[in-house]
Amino acid sequence: MTEKSWFGLKRSEIDWFPKIDYGKCISCMACVNKCEHRVYAEKYGKPKVIAPKNCVVGCTGCQSVCTKHAISHPPKSYLQRLAKRNDFKIGCQCGGKSK
């Protein structure tokens, strides 16, 4: 299996994933239910980030559904800095080939 990438950057090198502030979290599991990428799991009645690199780079859907603002992601400026890297590739990277 090849490593996942985001616009040519290795996903393993991108620190984009949710963080939970358990001081604010009420364990409603909205984040667990929202995420389709298995980033979260319920552990001991609380949501836990178990697969941070499964998080889609730039996605903040779980953060949006958290009514207590207990979920955070890196600032969008982090993604802007990544986009300025020399190895960042713009486009779909299909090489113009359609299926």
PDB file of N, CA and C in Angstrom:
ATOM      1  N   MET A   1       0.848  -1.186   0.000  1.00  0.00           N
ATOM      2  CA  MET A   1       0.000   0.000   0.000  1.00  0.00           C
ATOM      3  C   MET A   1       0.885   1.238   0.000  1.00  0.00           C
ATOM      4  N   THR A   2       0.587   2.184  -0.873  1.00  0.00           N
ATOM      5  CA  THR A   2       1.373   3.407  -0.931  1.00  0.00           C
ATOM      6  C   THR A   2       0.887   4.389   0.126  1.00  0.00           C
ATOM      7  N   GLU A   3       1.798   5.247   0.535  1.00  0.00           N
ATOM      8  CA  GLU A   3       1.451   6.234   1.556  1.00  0.00           C
ATOM      9  C   GLU A   3       0.503   7.275   0.982  1.00  0.00           C
ATOM     10  N   LYS A   4      -0.449   7.689   1.795  1.00  0.00           N
ATOM     11  CA  LYS A   4      -1.385   8.724   1.392  1.00  0.00           C
ATOM     12  C   LYS A   4      -0.648  10.049   1.286  1.00  0.00           C
ATOM     13  N   SER A   5      -1.167  10.903   0.406  1.00  0.00           N
ATOM     14  CA  SER A   5      -0.566  12.223   0.263  1.00  0.00           C
ATOM     15  C   SER A   5      -1.656  13.270   0.103  1.00  0.00           C
ATOM     16  N   TRP A   6      -1.263  14.510   0.273  1.00  0.00           N
ATOM     17  CA  TRP A   6      -2.159  15.658   0.121  1.00  0.00           C
ATOM     18  C   TRP A   6      -1.420  16.660  -0.742  1.00  0.00           C
ATOM     19  N   PHE A   7      -1.870  16.835  -1.976  1.00  0.00           N
ATOM     20  CA  PHE A   7      -1.229  17.727  -2.939  1.00  0.00           C
ATOM     21  C   PHE A   7       0.272  17.471  -3.028  1.00  0.00           C
ATOM     22  N   GLY A   8       0.638  16.204  -3.035  1.00  0.00           N
ATOM     23  CA  GLY A   8       2.026  15.808  -3.191  1.00  0.00           C
ATOM     24  C   GLY A   8       2.810  15.697  -1.896  1.00  0.00           C
ATOM     25  N   LEU A   9       2.276  16.192  -0.797  1.00  0.00           N
ATOM     26  CA  LEU A   9       2.959  16.111   0.492  1.00  0.00           C
ATOM     27  C   LEU A   9       2.553  14.820   1.191  1.00  0.00           C
ATOM     28  N   LYS A  10       3.507  14.150   1.806  1.00  0.00           N
ATOM     29  CA  LYS A  10       3.204  12.916   2.516  1.00  0.00           C
ATOM     30  C   LYS A  10       2.289  13.207   3.704  1.00  0.00           C
ATOM     31  N   ARG A  11       1.213  12.442   3.809  1.00  0.00           N
ATOM     32  CA  ARG A  11       0.255  12.651   4.901  1.00  0.00           C
ATOM     33  C   ARG A  11       0.912  12.457   6.259  1.00  0.00           C
ATOM     34  N   SER A  12       1.871  11.569   6.343  1.00  0.00           N
ATOM     35  CA  SER A  12       2.540  11.314   7.617  1.00  0.00           C
ATOM     36  C   SER A  12       3.318  12.531   8.119  1.00  0.00           C
ATOM     37  N   GLU A  13       3.617  13.471   7.224  1.00  0.00           N
ATOM     38  CA  GLU A  13       4.362  14.672   7.599  1.00  0.00           C
ATOM     39  C   GLU A  13       3.458  15.859   7.921  1.00  0.00           C
ATOM     40  N   ILE A  14       2.153  15.688   7.772  1.00  0.00           N
ATOM     41  CA  ILE A  14       1.224  16.793   7.978  1.00  0.00           C
ATOM     42  C   ILE A  14       0.539  16.631   9.331  1.00  0.00           C
ATOM     43  N   ASP A  15       0.720  17.613  10.183  1.00  0.00           N
ATOM     44  CA  ASP A  15       0.127  17.573  11.527  1.00  0.00           C
ATOM     45  C   ASP A  15      -1.251  18.224  11.530  1.00  0.00           C
ATOM     46  N   TRP A  16      -2.197  17.578  10.857  1.00  0.00           N
ATOM     47  CA  TRP A  16      -3.581  18.071  10.814  1.00  0.00           C
ATOM     48  C   TRP A  16      -4.476  16.994  11.408  1.00  0.00           C
ATOM     49  N   PHE A  17      -4.996  17.259  12.578  1.00  0.00           N
ATOM     50  CA  PHE A  17      -5.924  16.347  13.232  1.00  0.00           C
ATOM     51  C   PHE A  17      -6.590  17.091  14.382  1.00  0.00           C
ATOM     52  N   PRO A  18      -7.738  16.594  14.855  1.00  0.00           N
ATOM     53  CA  PRO A  18      -8.441  17.274  15.946  1.00  0.00           C
ATOM     54  C   PRO A  18      -7.788  17.026  17.298  1.00  0.00           C
ATOM     55  N   LYS A  19      -7.978  17.999  18.165  1.00  0.00           N
ATOM     56  CA  LYS A  19      -7.581  17.861  19.568  1.00  0.00           C
ATOM     57  C   LYS A  19      -8.823  18.129  20.404  1.00  0.00           C
ATOM     58  N   ILE A  20      -8.950  17.397  21.489  1.00  0.00           N
ATOM     59  CA  ILE A  20     -10.130  17.506  22.354  1.00  0.00           C
ATOM     60  C   ILE A  20      -9.747  18.167  23.663  1.00  0.00           C
ATOM     61  N   ASP A  21     -10.503  19.195  24.029  1.00  0.00           N
ATOM     62  CA  ASP A  21     -10.345  19.841  25.336  1.00  0.00           C
ATOM     63  C   ASP A  21     -11.350  19.157  26.272  1.00  0.00           C
ATOM     64  N   TYR A  22     -10.859  18.230  27.082  1.00  0.00           N
ATOM     65  CA  TYR A  22     -11.752  17.459  27.948  1.00  0.00           C
ATOM     66  C   TYR A  22     -12.358  18.296  29.061  1.00  0.00           C
ATOM     67  N   GLY A  23     -11.845  19.480  29.300  1.00  0.00           N
ATOM     68  CA  GLY A  23     -12.460  20.392  30.254  1.00  0.00           C
ATOM     69  C   GLY A  23     -13.778  20.955  29.738  1.00  0.00           C
ATOM     70  N   LYS A  24     -13.930  20.979  28.416  1.00  0.00           N
ATOM     71  CA  LYS A  24     -15.158  21.472  27.781  1.00  0.00           C
ATOM     72  C   LYS A  24     -16.060  20.340  27.284  1.00  0.00           C
ATOM     73  N   CYS A  25     -15.486  19.192  27.000  1.00  0.00           N
ATOM     74  CA  CYS A  25     -16.210  18.066  26.397  1.00  0.00           C
ATOM     75  C   CYS A  25     -17.280  17.525  27.349  1.00  0.00           C
ATOM     76  N   ILE A  26     -18.478  17.323  26.802  1.00  0.00           N
ATOM     77  CA  ILE A  26     -19.574  16.747  27.593  1.00  0.00           C
ATOM     78  C   ILE A  26     -19.873  15.307  27.174  1.00  0.00           C
ATOM     79  N   SER A  27     -19.004  14.722  26.370  1.00  0.00           N
ATOM     80  CA  SER A  27     -19.120  13.330  25.924  1.00  0.00           C
ATOM     81  C   SER A  27     -20.415  13.039  25.174  1.00  0.00           C
ATOM     82  N   CYS A  28     -20.831  13.990  24.345  1.00  0.00           N
ATOM     83  CA  CYS A  28     -22.059  13.786  23.567  1.00  0.00           C
ATOM     84  C   CYS A  28     -21.833  12.880  22.360  1.00  0.00           C
ATOM     85  N   MET A  29     -20.590  12.692  21.975  1.00  0.00           N
ATOM     86  CA  MET A  29     -20.166  11.828  20.872  1.00  0.00           C
ATOM     87  C   MET A  29     -20.567  12.357  19.499  1.00  0.00           C
ATOM     88  N   ALA A  30     -20.915  13.628  19.399  1.00  0.00           N
ATOM     89  CA  ALA A  30     -21.246  14.215  18.095  1.00  0.00           C
ATOM     90  C   ALA A  30     -20.048  14.119  17.149  1.00  0.00           C
ATOM     91  N   CYS A  31     -18.853  14.299  17.675  1.00  0.00           N
ATOM     92  CA  CYS A  31     -17.640  14.218  16.846  1.00  0.00           C
ATOM     93  C   CYS A  31     -17.433  12.792  16.332  1.00  0.00           C
ATOM     94  N   VAL A  32     -17.627  11.827  17.186  1.00  0.00           N
ATOM     95  CA  VAL A  32     -17.470  10.419  16.805  1.00  0.00           C
ATOM     96  C   VAL A  32     -18.480  10.062  15.723  1.00  0.00           C
ATOM     97  N   ASN A  33     -19.719  10.510  15.890  1.00  0.00           N
ATOM     98  CA  ASN A  33     -20.781  10.209  14.931  1.00  0.00           C
ATOM     99  C   ASN A  33     -20.599  10.951  13.612  1.00  0.00           C
ATOM    100  N   LYS A  34     -20.014  12.137  13.647  1.00  0.00           N
ATOM    101  CA  LYS A  34     -19.832  12.945  12.434  1.00  0.00           C
ATOM    102  C   LYS A  34     -18.723  12.401  11.535  1.00  0.00           C
ATOM    103  N   CYS A  35     -17.625  11.993  12.133  1.00  0.00           N
ATOM    104  CA  CYS A  35     -16.449  11.611  11.355  1.00  0.00           C
ATOM    105  C   CYS A  35     -16.621  10.235  10.714  1.00  0.00           C
ATOM    106  N   GLU A  36     -16.498  10.208   9.392  1.00  0.00           N
ATOM    107  CA  GLU A  36     -16.621   8.963   8.631  1.00  0.00           C
ATOM    108  C   GLU A  36     -15.268   8.300   8.380  1.00  0.00           C
ATOM    109  N   HIS A  37     -14.208   8.900   8.899  1.00  0.00           N
ATOM    110  CA  HIS A  37     -12.862   8.423   8.581  1.00  0.00           C
ATOM    111  C   HIS A  37     -12.195   7.689   9.742  1.00  0.00           C
ATOM    112  N   ARG A  38     -12.993   7.354  10.737  1.00  0.00           N
ATOM    113  CA  ARG A  38     -12.525   6.568  11.895  1.00  0.00           C
ATOM    114  C   ARG A  38     -11.362   7.226  12.638  1.00  0.00           C
ATOM    115  N   VAL A  39     -11.414   8.543  12.712  1.00  0.00           N
ATOM    116  CA  VAL A  39     -10.411   9.285  13.475  1.00  0.00           C
ATOM    117  C   VAL A  39     -10.660   9.073  14.970  1.00  0.00           C
ATOM    118  N   TYR A  40     -11.935   8.969  15.332  1.00  0.00           N
ATOM    119  CA  TYR A  40     -12.350   8.865  16.736  1.00  0.00           C
ATOM    120  C   TYR A  40     -12.848   7.470  17.094  1.00  0.00           C
ATOM    121  N   ALA A  41     -12.837   7.223  18.373  1.00  0.00           N
ATOM    122  CA  ALA A  41     -13.524   6.061  18.949  1.00  0.00           C
ATOM    123  C   ALA A  41     -13.978   6.470  20.341  1.00  0.00           C
ATOM    124  N   GLU A  42     -14.986   5.790  20.820  1.00  0.00           N
ATOM    125  CA  GLU A  42     -15.435   6.014  22.194  1.00  0.00           C
ATOM    126  C   GLU A  42     -14.596   5.134  23.112  1.00  0.00           C
ATOM    127  N   LYS A  43     -13.973   5.740  24.088  1.00  0.00           N
ATOM    128  CA  LYS A  43     -13.158   5.013  25.070  1.00  0.00           C
ATOM    129  C   LYS A  43     -13.576   5.470  26.457  1.00  0.00           C
ATOM    130  N   TYR A  44     -14.064   4.538  27.229  1.00  0.00           N
ATOM    131  CA  TYR A  44     -14.479   4.826  28.618  1.00  0.00           C
ATOM    132  C   TYR A  44     -15.481   5.975  28.694  1.00  0.00           C
ATOM    133  N   GLY A  45     -16.410   5.992  27.716  1.00  0.00           N
ATOM    134  CA  GLY A  45     -17.473   6.990  27.727  1.00  0.00           C
ATOM    135  C   GLY A  45     -17.086   8.356  27.193  1.00  0.00           C
ATOM    136  N   LYS A  46     -15.892   8.476  26.653  1.00  0.00           N
ATOM    137  CA  LYS A  46     -15.434   9.757  26.112  1.00  0.00           C
ATOM    138  C   LYS A  46     -14.910   9.547  24.692  1.00  0.00           C
ATOM    139  N   PRO A  47     -14.996  10.596  23.853  1.00  0.00           N
ATOM    140  CA  PRO A  47     -14.400  10.477  22.524  1.00  0.00           C
ATOM    141  C   PRO A  47     -12.880  10.538  22.636  1.00  0.00           C
ATOM    142  N   LYS A  48     -12.204   9.785  21.793  1.00  0.00           N
ATOM    143  CA  LYS A  48     -10.744   9.787  21.791  1.00  0.00           C
ATOM    144  C   LYS A  48     -10.259   9.757  20.352  1.00  0.00           C
ATOM    145  N   VAL A  49      -9.260  10.558  20.045  1.00  0.00           N
ATOM    146  CA  VAL A  49      -8.638  10.539  18.721  1.00  0.00           C
ATOM    147  C   VAL A  49      -7.717   9.320  18.690  1.00  0.00           C
ATOM    148  N   ILE A  50      -8.090   8.347  17.872  1.00  0.00           N
ATOM    149  CA  ILE A  50      -7.311   7.101  17.816  1.00  0.00           C
ATOM    150  C   ILE A  50      -6.508   6.958  16.523  1.00  0.00           C
ATOM    151  N   ALA A  51      -6.900   7.691  15.482  1.00  0.00           N
ATOM    152  CA  ALA A  51      -6.213   7.602  14.195  1.00  0.00           C
ATOM    153  C   ALA A  51      -6.065   9.009  13.610  1.00  0.00           C
ATOM    154  N   PRO A  52      -5.189   9.818  14.180  1.00  0.00           N
ATOM    155  CA  PRO A  52      -5.082  11.215  13.748  1.00  0.00           C
ATOM    156  C   PRO A  52      -4.755  11.389  12.271  1.00  0.00           C
ATOM    157  N   LYS A  53      -3.973  10.500  11.697  1.00  0.00           N
ATOM    158  CA  LYS A  53      -3.596  10.650  10.291  1.00  0.00           C
ATOM    159  C   LYS A  53      -4.708  10.237   9.333  1.00  0.00           C
ATOM    160  N   ASN A  54      -5.823   9.704   9.864  1.00  0.00           N
ATOM    161  CA  ASN A  54      -7.004   9.439   9.035  1.00  0.00           C
ATOM    162  C   ASN A  54      -7.797  10.708   8.782  1.00  0.00           C
ATOM    163  N   CYS A  55      -7.541  11.752   9.560  1.00  0.00           N
ATOM    164  CA  CYS A  55      -8.274  13.010   9.413  1.00  0.00           C
ATOM    165  C   CYS A  55      -7.957  13.608   8.044  1.00  0.00           C
ATOM    166  N   VAL A  56      -8.980  14.031   7.345  1.00  0.00           N
ATOM    167  CA  VAL A  56      -8.809  14.653   6.036  1.00  0.00           C
ATOM    168  C   VAL A  56      -8.219  16.040   6.250  1.00  0.00           C
ATOM    169  N   VAL A  57      -7.102  16.295   5.592  1.00  0.00           N
ATOM    170  CA  VAL A  57      -6.423  17.581   5.758  1.00  0.00           C
ATOM    171  C   VAL A  57      -7.360  18.717   5.356  1.00  0.00           C
ATOM    172  N   GLY A  58      -7.556  19.644   6.261  1.00  0.00           N
ATOM    173  CA  GLY A  58      -8.430  20.792   6.025  1.00  0.00           C
ATOM    174  C   GLY A  58      -9.844  20.614   6.542  1.00  0.00           C
ATOM    175  N   CYS A  59     -10.231  19.391   6.874  1.00  0.00           N
ATOM    176  CA  CYS A  59     -11.589  19.132   7.365  1.00  0.00           C
ATOM    177  C   CYS A  59     -11.733  19.597   8.813  1.00  0.00           C
ATOM    178  N   THR A  60     -12.847  20.241   9.097  1.00  0.00           N
ATOM    179  CA  THR A  60     -13.169  20.657  10.464  1.00  0.00           C
ATOM    180  C   THR A  60     -14.615  20.318  10.805  1.00  0.00           C
ATOM    181  N   GLY A  61     -15.153  19.292  10.148  1.00  0.00           N
ATOM    182  CA  GLY A  61     -16.553  18.921  10.358  1.00  0.00           C
ATOM    183  C   GLY A  61     -16.880  18.567  11.796  1.00  0.00           C
ATOM    184  N   CYS A  62     -15.994  17.831  12.447  1.00  0.00           N
ATOM    185  CA  CYS A  62     -16.244  17.450  13.842  1.00  0.00           C
ATOM    186  C   CYS A  62     -16.222  18.673  14.755  1.00  0.00           C
ATOM    187  N   GLN A  63     -15.365  19.614  14.433  1.00  0.00           N
ATOM    188  CA  GLN A  63     -15.287  20.848  15.204  1.00  0.00           C
ATOM    189  C   GLN A  63     -16.591  21.633  15.065  1.00  0.00           C
ATOM    190  N   SER A  64     -17.163  21.619  13.883  1.00  0.00           N
ATOM    191  CA  SER A  64     -18.402  22.351  13.613  1.00  0.00           C
ATOM    192  C   SER A  64     -19.597  21.799  14.375  1.00  0.00           C
ATOM    193  N   VAL A  65     -19.620  20.484  14.621  1.00  0.00           N
ATOM    194  CA  VAL A  65     -20.774  19.897  15.305  1.00  0.00           C
ATOM    195  C   VAL A  65     -20.637  19.920  16.826  1.00  0.00           C
ATOM    196  N   CYS A  66     -19.481  20.310  17.321  1.00  0.00           N
ATOM    197  CA  CYS A  66     -19.270  20.335  18.773  1.00  0.00           C
ATOM    198  C   CYS A  66     -19.872  21.606  19.368  1.00  0.00           C
ATOM    199  N   THR A  67     -20.955  21.449  20.106  1.00  0.00           N
ATOM    200  CA  THR A  67     -21.667  22.606  20.662  1.00  0.00           C
ATOM    201  C   THR A  67     -20.917  23.252  21.827  1.00  0.00           C
ATOM    202  N   LYS A  68     -19.955  22.572  22.386  1.00  0.00           N
ATOM    203  CA  LYS A  68     -19.195  23.103  23.531  1.00  0.00           C
ATOM    204  C   LYS A  68     -17.813  23.625  23.116  1.00  0.00           C
ATOM    205  N   HIS A  69     -17.534  23.619  21.824  1.00  0.00           N
ATOM    206  CA  HIS A  69     -16.256  24.125  21.296  1.00  0.00           C
ATOM    207  C   HIS A  69     -15.065  23.415  21.940  1.00  0.00           C
ATOM    208  N   ALA A  70     -15.204  22.115  22.102  1.00  0.00           N
ATOM    209  CA  ALA A  70     -14.157  21.306  22.729  1.00  0.00           C
ATOM    210  C   ALA A  70     -13.173  20.724  21.717  1.00  0.00           C
ATOM    211  N   ILE A  71     -13.463  20.870  20.436  1.00  0.00           N
ATOM    212  CA  ILE A  71     -12.619  20.326  19.379  1.00  0.00           C
ATOM    213  C   ILE A  71     -11.887  21.476  18.694  1.00  0.00           C
ATOM    214  N   SER A  72     -10.597  21.285  18.456  1.00  0.00           N
ATOM    215  CA  SER A  72      -9.837  22.285  17.714  1.00  0.00           C
ATOM    216  C   SER A  72      -8.924  21.590  16.710  1.00  0.00           C
ATOM    217  N   HIS A  73      -8.539  22.346  15.722  1.00  0.00           N
ATOM    218  CA  HIS A  73      -7.595  21.913  14.692  1.00  0.00           C
ATOM    219  C   HIS A  73      -6.525  22.993  14.571  1.00  0.00           C
ATOM    220  N   PRO A  74      -5.440  22.696  13.880  1.00  0.00           N
ATOM    221  CA  PRO A  74      -4.451  23.745  13.641  1.00  0.00           C
ATOM    222  C   PRO A  74      -5.116  24.904  12.884  1.00  0.00           C
ATOM    223  N   PRO A  75      -4.551  26.092  12.988  1.00  0.00           N
ATOM    224  CA  PRO A  75      -5.125  27.228  12.251  1.00  0.00           C
ATOM    225  C   PRO A  75      -4.966  27.045  10.741  1.00  0.00           C
ATOM    226  N   LYS A  76      -5.833  27.666   9.970  1.00  0.00           N
ATOM    227  CA  LYS A  76      -5.758  27.574   8.507  1.00  0.00           C
ATOM    228  C   LYS A  76      -4.421  28.099   7.995  1.00  0.00           C
ATOM    229  N   SER A  77      -3.780  28.974   8.756  1.00  0.00           N
ATOM    230  CA  SER A  77      -2.468  29.490   8.349  1.00  0.00           C
ATOM    231  C   SER A  77      -1.450  28.356   8.241  1.00  0.00           C
ATOM    232  N   TYR A  78      -1.643  27.282   8.998  1.00  0.00           N
ATOM    233  CA  TYR A  78      -0.769  26.116   8.898  1.00  0.00           C
ATOM    234  C   TYR A  78      -0.848  25.529   7.488  1.00  0.00           C
ATOM    235  N   LEU A  79      -2.067  25.413   6.947  1.00  0.00           N
ATOM    236  CA  LEU A  79      -2.248  24.885   5.594  1.00  0.00           C
ATOM    237  C   LEU A  79      -1.661  25.834   4.562  1.00  0.00           C
ATOM    238  N   GLN A  80      -1.772  27.133   4.812  1.00  0.00           N
ATOM    239  CA  GLN A  80      -1.195  28.116   3.895  1.00  0.00           C
ATOM    240  C   GLN A  80       0.326  27.984   3.851  1.00  0.00           C
ATOM    241  N   ARG A  81       0.951  27.730   4.983  1.00  0.00           N
ATOM    242  CA  ARG A  81       2.404  27.526   5.014  1.00  0.00           C
ATOM    243  C   ARG A  81       2.784  26.263   4.245  1.00  0.00           C
ATOM    244  N   LEU A  82       1.990  25.208   4.384  1.00  0.00           N
ATOM    245  CA  LEU A  82       2.264  23.979   3.632  1.00  0.00           C
ATOM    246  C   LEU A  82       2.190  24.223   2.126  1.00  0.00           C
ATOM    247  N   ALA A  83       1.234  25.037   1.727  1.00  0.00           N
ATOM    248  CA  ALA A  83       1.032  25.313   0.302  1.00  0.00           C
ATOM    249  C   ALA A  83       2.204  26.080  -0.304  1.00  0.00           C
ATOM    250  N   LYS A  84       3.024  26.683   0.517  1.00  0.00           N
ATOM    251  CA  LYS A  84       4.182  27.434   0.027  1.00  0.00           C
ATOM    252  C   LYS A  84       5.437  26.576  -0.103  1.00  0.00           C
ATOM    253  N   ARG A  85       5.334  25.325   0.328  1.00  0.00           N
ATOM    254  CA  ARG A  85       6.495  24.429   0.217  1.00  0.00           C
ATOM    255  C   ARG A  85       6.798  24.118  -1.245  1.00  0.00           C
ATOM    256  N   ASN A  86       8.044  23.862  -1.534  1.00  0.00           N
ATOM    257  CA  ASN A  86       8.466  23.553  -2.905  1.00  0.00           C
ATOM    258  C   ASN A  86       7.868  22.262  -3.430  1.00  0.00           C
ATOM    259  N   ASP A  87       7.570  21.308  -2.546  1.00  0.00           N
ATOM    260  CA  ASP A  87       7.047  20.021  -2.999  1.00  0.00           C
ATOM    261  C   ASP A  87       5.514  19.971  -3.033  1.00  0.00           C
ATOM    262  N   PHE A  88       4.861  21.108  -2.798  1.00  0.00           N
ATOM    263  CA  PHE A  88       3.404  21.196  -2.871  1.00  0.00           C
ATOM    264  C   PHE A  88       3.001  21.240  -4.339  1.00  0.00           C
ATOM    265  N   LYS A  89       2.074  20.374  -4.742  1.00  0.00           N
ATOM    266  CA  LYS A  89       1.647  20.292  -6.135  1.00  0.00           C
ATOM    267  C   LYS A  89       0.189  20.713  -6.252  1.00  0.00           C
ATOM    268  N   ILE A  90      -0.060  21.691  -7.074  1.00  0.00           N
ATOM    269  CA  ILE A  90      -1.421  22.184  -7.280  1.00  0.00           C
ATOM    270  C   ILE A  90      -2.099  21.326  -8.348  1.00  0.00           C
ATOM    271  N   GLY A  91      -3.366  21.024  -8.138  1.00  0.00           N
ATOM    272  CA  GLY A  91      -4.138  20.267  -9.121  1.00  0.00           C
ATOM    273  C   GLY A  91      -4.497  18.887  -8.642  1.00  0.00           C
ATOM    274  N   CYS A  92      -5.198  18.172  -9.465  1.00  0.00           N
ATOM    275  CA  CYS A  92      -5.691  16.852  -9.064  1.00  0.00           C
ATOM    276  C   CYS A  92      -4.647  15.757  -9.212  1.00  0.00           C
ATOM    277  N   GLN A  93      -3.554  16.029  -9.917  1.00  0.00           N
ATOM    278  CA  GLN A  93      -2.453  15.099 -10.089  1.00  0.00           C
ATOM    279  C   GLN A  93      -2.838  13.827 -10.864  1.00  0.00           C
ATOM    280  N   CYS A  94      -3.863  13.947 -11.683  1.00  0.00           N
ATOM    281  CA  CYS A  94      -4.246  12.801 -12.505  1.00  0.00           C
ATOM    282  C   CYS A  94      -3.424  12.744 -13.791  1.00  0.00           C
ATOM    283  N   GLY A  95      -2.659  13.797 -14.057  1.00  0.00           N
ATOM    284  CA  GLY A  95      -1.841  13.832 -15.276  1.00  0.00           C
ATOM    285  C   GLY A  95      -2.668  14.004 -16.535  1.00  0.00           C
ATOM    286  N   GLY A  96      -3.896  14.477 -16.382  1.00  0.00           N
ATOM    287  CA  GLY A  96      -4.764  14.681 -17.535  1.00  0.00           C
ATOM    288  C   GLY A  96      -5.389  13.416 -18.064  1.00  0.00           C
ATOM    289  N   LYS A  97      -5.253  12.339 -17.332  1.00  0.00           N
ATOM    290  CA  LYS A  97      -5.795  11.062 -17.775  1.00  0.00           C
ATOM    291  C   LYS A  97      -7.176  10.855 -17.153  1.00  0.00           C
ATOM    292  N   SER A  98      -8.154  10.611 -17.965  1.00  0.00           N
ATOM    293  CA  SER A  98      -9.483  10.294 -17.453  1.00  0.00           C
ATOM    294  C   SER A  98      -9.684   8.793 -17.482  1.00  0.00           C
ATOM    295  N   LYS A  99     -10.554   8.321 -16.642  1.00  0.00           N
ATOM    296  CA  LYS A  99     -10.808   6.872 -16.577  1.00  0.00           C
ATOM    297  C   LYS A  99     -11.766   6.446 -17.640  1.00  0.00           C
TER     298      LYS A  99
END
